């Protein structure tokens, strides 16, 4: 099964910004394919260094989560 996790929130709402990344990682961990689509404010998370300054409540650093997905070959669409 292929999962497309869509995010629309950026650094103004760190916890919501992390949700598509957490969803994609959960899909991978369950043996599924994952893709992430970032729309609207979420696209700003790809600016150099911005995601590293975004920390989601209970989910940690958004930049680290984003890099982990990229390192695992997950496509990120903008």
N, C-alpha and C. Protein backbone atom coordinates (compact mmCIF):
# COMPACT_ATOMS: atom_id res chain seq x y z
N UNK A 1 0.84 -1.17 0.00
CA UNK A 1 0.00 0.00 0.00
C UNK A 1 0.89 1.25 0.00
N UNK A 2 0.47 2.25 -0.74
CA UNK A 2 1.20 3.51 -0.80
C UNK A 2 0.39 4.58 -0.07
N UNK A 3 1.07 5.30 0.82
CA UNK A 3 0.44 6.36 1.62
C UNK A 3 0.98 7.71 1.16
N UNK A 4 0.08 8.66 0.92
CA UNK A 4 0.46 10.04 0.64
C UNK A 4 0.04 10.88 1.84
N UNK A 5 1.01 11.40 2.57
CA UNK A 5 0.73 12.25 3.73
C UNK A 5 0.85 13.70 3.28
N UNK A 6 -0.20 14.48 3.51
CA UNK A 6 -0.26 15.86 3.04
C UNK A 6 -0.19 16.81 4.23
N UNK A 7 0.71 17.81 4.12
CA UNK A 7 0.84 18.82 5.16
C UNK A 7 0.63 20.21 4.60
N UNK A 8 -0.07 21.05 5.38
CA UNK A 8 -0.31 22.43 4.96
C UNK A 8 0.19 23.44 5.98
N UNK A 9 0.64 22.97 7.14
CA UNK A 9 1.08 23.88 8.21
C UNK A 9 2.60 23.99 8.22
N UNK A 10 3.07 25.16 8.58
CA UNK A 10 4.50 25.40 8.64
C UNK A 10 4.97 25.67 10.06
N UNK A 11 5.96 26.52 10.18
CA UNK A 11 6.59 26.79 11.47
C UNK A 11 5.66 27.48 12.46
N UNK A 12 4.55 28.04 11.99
CA UNK A 12 3.61 28.70 12.89
C UNK A 12 2.82 27.69 13.74
N UNK A 13 2.80 26.42 13.32
CA UNK A 13 2.12 25.36 14.08
C UNK A 13 2.98 24.10 14.02
N UNK A 14 4.02 24.04 14.85
CA UNK A 14 5.00 22.96 14.76
C UNK A 14 4.43 21.55 14.88
N UNK A 15 3.44 21.37 15.73
CA UNK A 15 2.90 20.02 15.91
C UNK A 15 2.16 19.57 14.65
N UNK A 16 1.35 20.44 14.08
CA UNK A 16 0.68 20.09 12.82
C UNK A 16 1.67 19.95 11.67
N UNK A 17 2.73 20.72 11.70
CA UNK A 17 3.75 20.62 10.66
C UNK A 17 4.41 19.24 10.68
N UNK A 18 4.53 18.66 11.85
CA UNK A 18 5.17 17.36 11.99
C UNK A 18 4.28 16.19 11.60
N UNK A 19 2.96 16.37 11.60
CA UNK A 19 2.03 15.26 11.41
C UNK A 19 2.22 14.49 10.10
N UNK A 20 2.39 15.13 8.94
CA UNK A 20 2.58 14.31 7.73
C UNK A 20 3.91 13.53 7.77
N UNK A 21 4.90 14.08 8.45
CA UNK A 21 6.18 13.40 8.54
C UNK A 21 6.07 12.18 9.45
N UNK A 22 5.32 12.32 10.52
CA UNK A 22 5.09 11.21 11.43
C UNK A 22 4.25 10.13 10.75
N UNK A 23 3.26 10.55 10.00
CA UNK A 23 2.41 9.61 9.26
C UNK A 23 3.24 8.82 8.25
N UNK A 24 4.10 9.51 7.52
CA UNK A 24 4.94 8.84 6.53
C UNK A 24 5.89 7.85 7.20
N UNK A 25 6.49 8.24 8.32
CA UNK A 25 7.40 7.34 9.02
C UNK A 25 6.65 6.12 9.55
N UNK A 26 5.44 6.33 10.05
CA UNK A 26 4.63 5.20 10.51
C UNK A 26 4.31 4.24 9.38
N UNK A 27 4.02 4.79 8.20
CA UNK A 27 3.74 3.94 7.04
C UNK A 27 4.98 3.10 6.69
N UNK A 28 6.13 3.74 6.68
CA UNK A 28 7.38 3.02 6.39
C UNK A 28 7.63 1.93 7.41
N UNK A 29 7.44 2.27 8.67
CA UNK A 29 7.68 1.31 9.75
C UNK A 29 6.73 0.12 9.68
N UNK A 30 5.59 0.31 9.03
CA UNK A 30 4.60 -0.76 8.88
C UNK A 30 4.76 -1.53 7.58
N UNK A 31 5.81 -1.19 6.82
CA UNK A 31 6.09 -1.91 5.59
C UNK A 31 5.41 -1.37 4.35
N UNK A 32 4.87 -0.17 4.42
CA UNK A 32 4.20 0.44 3.28
C UNK A 32 5.12 1.46 2.61
N UNK A 33 4.75 1.88 1.40
CA UNK A 33 5.45 2.97 0.72
C UNK A 33 4.87 4.28 1.23
N UNK A 34 5.70 5.30 1.30
CA UNK A 34 5.23 6.60 1.77
C UNK A 34 5.70 7.70 0.85
N UNK A 35 4.87 8.72 0.74
CA UNK A 35 5.19 9.94 0.01
C UNK A 35 4.65 11.09 0.85
N UNK A 36 5.27 12.26 0.73
CA UNK A 36 4.81 13.44 1.46
C UNK A 36 4.59 14.57 0.46
N UNK A 37 3.45 15.25 0.60
CA UNK A 37 3.15 16.44 -0.20
C UNK A 37 3.04 17.63 0.75
N UNK A 38 3.81 18.66 0.49
CA UNK A 38 3.76 19.87 1.31
C UNK A 38 3.13 20.98 0.48
N UNK A 39 2.09 21.59 1.05
CA UNK A 39 1.34 22.64 0.36
C UNK A 39 1.32 23.89 1.21
N UNK A 40 1.10 25.01 0.58
CA UNK A 40 0.94 26.28 1.31
C UNK A 40 2.11 26.59 2.23
N UNK A 41 1.79 26.89 3.49
CA UNK A 41 2.81 27.26 4.47
C UNK A 41 3.83 26.15 4.70
N UNK A 42 3.43 24.91 4.51
CA UNK A 42 4.34 23.79 4.75
C UNK A 42 5.54 23.79 3.82
N UNK A 43 5.42 24.41 2.65
CA UNK A 43 6.53 24.44 1.71
C UNK A 43 7.74 25.19 2.28
N UNK A 44 7.49 26.11 3.19
CA UNK A 44 8.58 26.88 3.78
C UNK A 44 9.50 26.02 4.64
N UNK A 45 9.02 24.86 5.06
CA UNK A 45 9.85 23.96 5.86
C UNK A 45 11.07 23.47 5.09
N UNK A 46 11.04 23.58 3.77
CA UNK A 46 12.16 23.14 2.95
C UNK A 46 13.22 24.22 2.76
N UNK A 47 12.97 25.41 3.27
CA UNK A 47 14.00 26.44 3.22
C UNK A 47 15.18 26.02 4.10
N UNK A 48 16.39 26.25 3.64
CA UNK A 48 17.56 25.81 4.41
C UNK A 48 17.53 26.29 5.87
N UNK A 49 17.59 25.33 6.77
CA UNK A 49 17.68 25.63 8.20
C UNK A 49 16.37 25.91 8.91
N UNK A 50 15.30 26.20 8.18
CA UNK A 50 14.04 26.57 8.84
C UNK A 50 13.47 25.42 9.65
N UNK A 51 13.38 24.24 9.08
CA UNK A 51 12.78 23.10 9.78
C UNK A 51 13.56 22.72 11.04
N UNK A 52 14.87 23.02 11.05
CA UNK A 52 15.68 22.69 12.23
C UNK A 52 15.26 23.51 13.46
N UNK A 53 14.65 24.66 13.24
CA UNK A 53 14.20 25.49 14.34
C UNK A 53 12.77 25.22 14.76
N UNK A 54 12.13 24.22 14.14
CA UNK A 54 10.74 23.89 14.44
C UNK A 54 10.72 22.62 15.29
N UNK A 55 10.17 22.75 16.49
CA UNK A 55 10.11 21.62 17.42
C UNK A 55 8.65 21.37 17.79
N UNK A 56 8.16 20.19 17.46
CA UNK A 56 6.77 19.83 17.71
C UNK A 56 6.62 19.22 19.11
N UNK A 57 5.54 19.58 19.78
CA UNK A 57 5.25 19.03 21.10
C UNK A 57 5.13 17.51 20.99
N UNK A 58 5.91 16.81 21.76
CA UNK A 58 5.93 15.35 21.85
C UNK A 58 6.48 14.64 20.61
N UNK A 59 6.79 15.38 19.53
CA UNK A 59 7.28 14.73 18.32
C UNK A 59 8.68 15.17 17.92
N UNK A 60 9.27 16.10 18.65
CA UNK A 60 10.65 16.48 18.41
C UNK A 60 10.87 17.43 17.24
N UNK A 61 12.10 17.43 16.78
CA UNK A 61 12.56 18.36 15.77
C UNK A 61 12.06 17.97 14.38
N UNK A 62 11.37 18.89 13.72
CA UNK A 62 10.80 18.64 12.40
C UNK A 62 11.90 18.45 11.36
N UNK A 63 12.98 19.21 11.46
CA UNK A 63 14.08 19.07 10.52
C UNK A 63 14.70 17.68 10.56
N UNK A 64 14.87 17.13 11.74
CA UNK A 64 15.42 15.78 11.86
C UNK A 64 14.50 14.74 11.24
N UNK A 65 13.20 14.91 11.47
CA UNK A 65 12.22 13.98 10.89
C UNK A 65 12.21 14.07 9.37
N UNK A 66 12.30 15.27 8.86
CA UNK A 66 12.31 15.49 7.41
C UNK A 66 13.55 14.85 6.78
N UNK A 67 14.71 15.08 7.38
CA UNK A 67 15.95 14.48 6.86
C UNK A 67 15.90 12.96 6.90
N UNK A 68 15.33 12.40 7.96
CA UNK A 68 15.24 10.94 8.08
C UNK A 68 14.41 10.36 6.94
N UNK A 69 13.32 11.03 6.59
CA UNK A 69 12.49 10.55 5.48
C UNK A 69 13.23 10.67 4.15
N UNK A 70 13.91 11.78 3.95
CA UNK A 70 14.67 11.97 2.72
C UNK A 70 15.77 10.91 2.61
N UNK A 71 16.44 10.63 3.73
CA UNK A 71 17.50 9.61 3.74
C UNK A 71 16.96 8.21 3.41
N UNK A 72 15.68 7.99 3.70
CA UNK A 72 15.04 6.70 3.42
C UNK A 72 14.44 6.65 2.00
N UNK A 73 14.63 7.73 1.26
CA UNK A 73 14.18 7.77 -0.13
C UNK A 73 12.72 8.12 -0.33
N UNK A 74 12.10 8.72 0.70
CA UNK A 74 10.69 9.10 0.58
C UNK A 74 10.60 10.36 -0.30
N UNK A 75 9.77 10.31 -1.35
CA UNK A 75 9.60 11.51 -2.18
C UNK A 75 8.86 12.61 -1.41
N UNK A 76 9.34 13.83 -1.54
CA UNK A 76 8.71 14.99 -0.94
C UNK A 76 8.26 15.89 -2.09
N UNK A 77 6.96 16.07 -2.22
CA UNK A 77 6.39 16.89 -3.29
C UNK A 77 6.00 18.26 -2.75
N UNK A 78 6.26 19.28 -3.56
CA UNK A 78 5.88 20.66 -3.19
C UNK A 78 5.07 21.26 -4.32
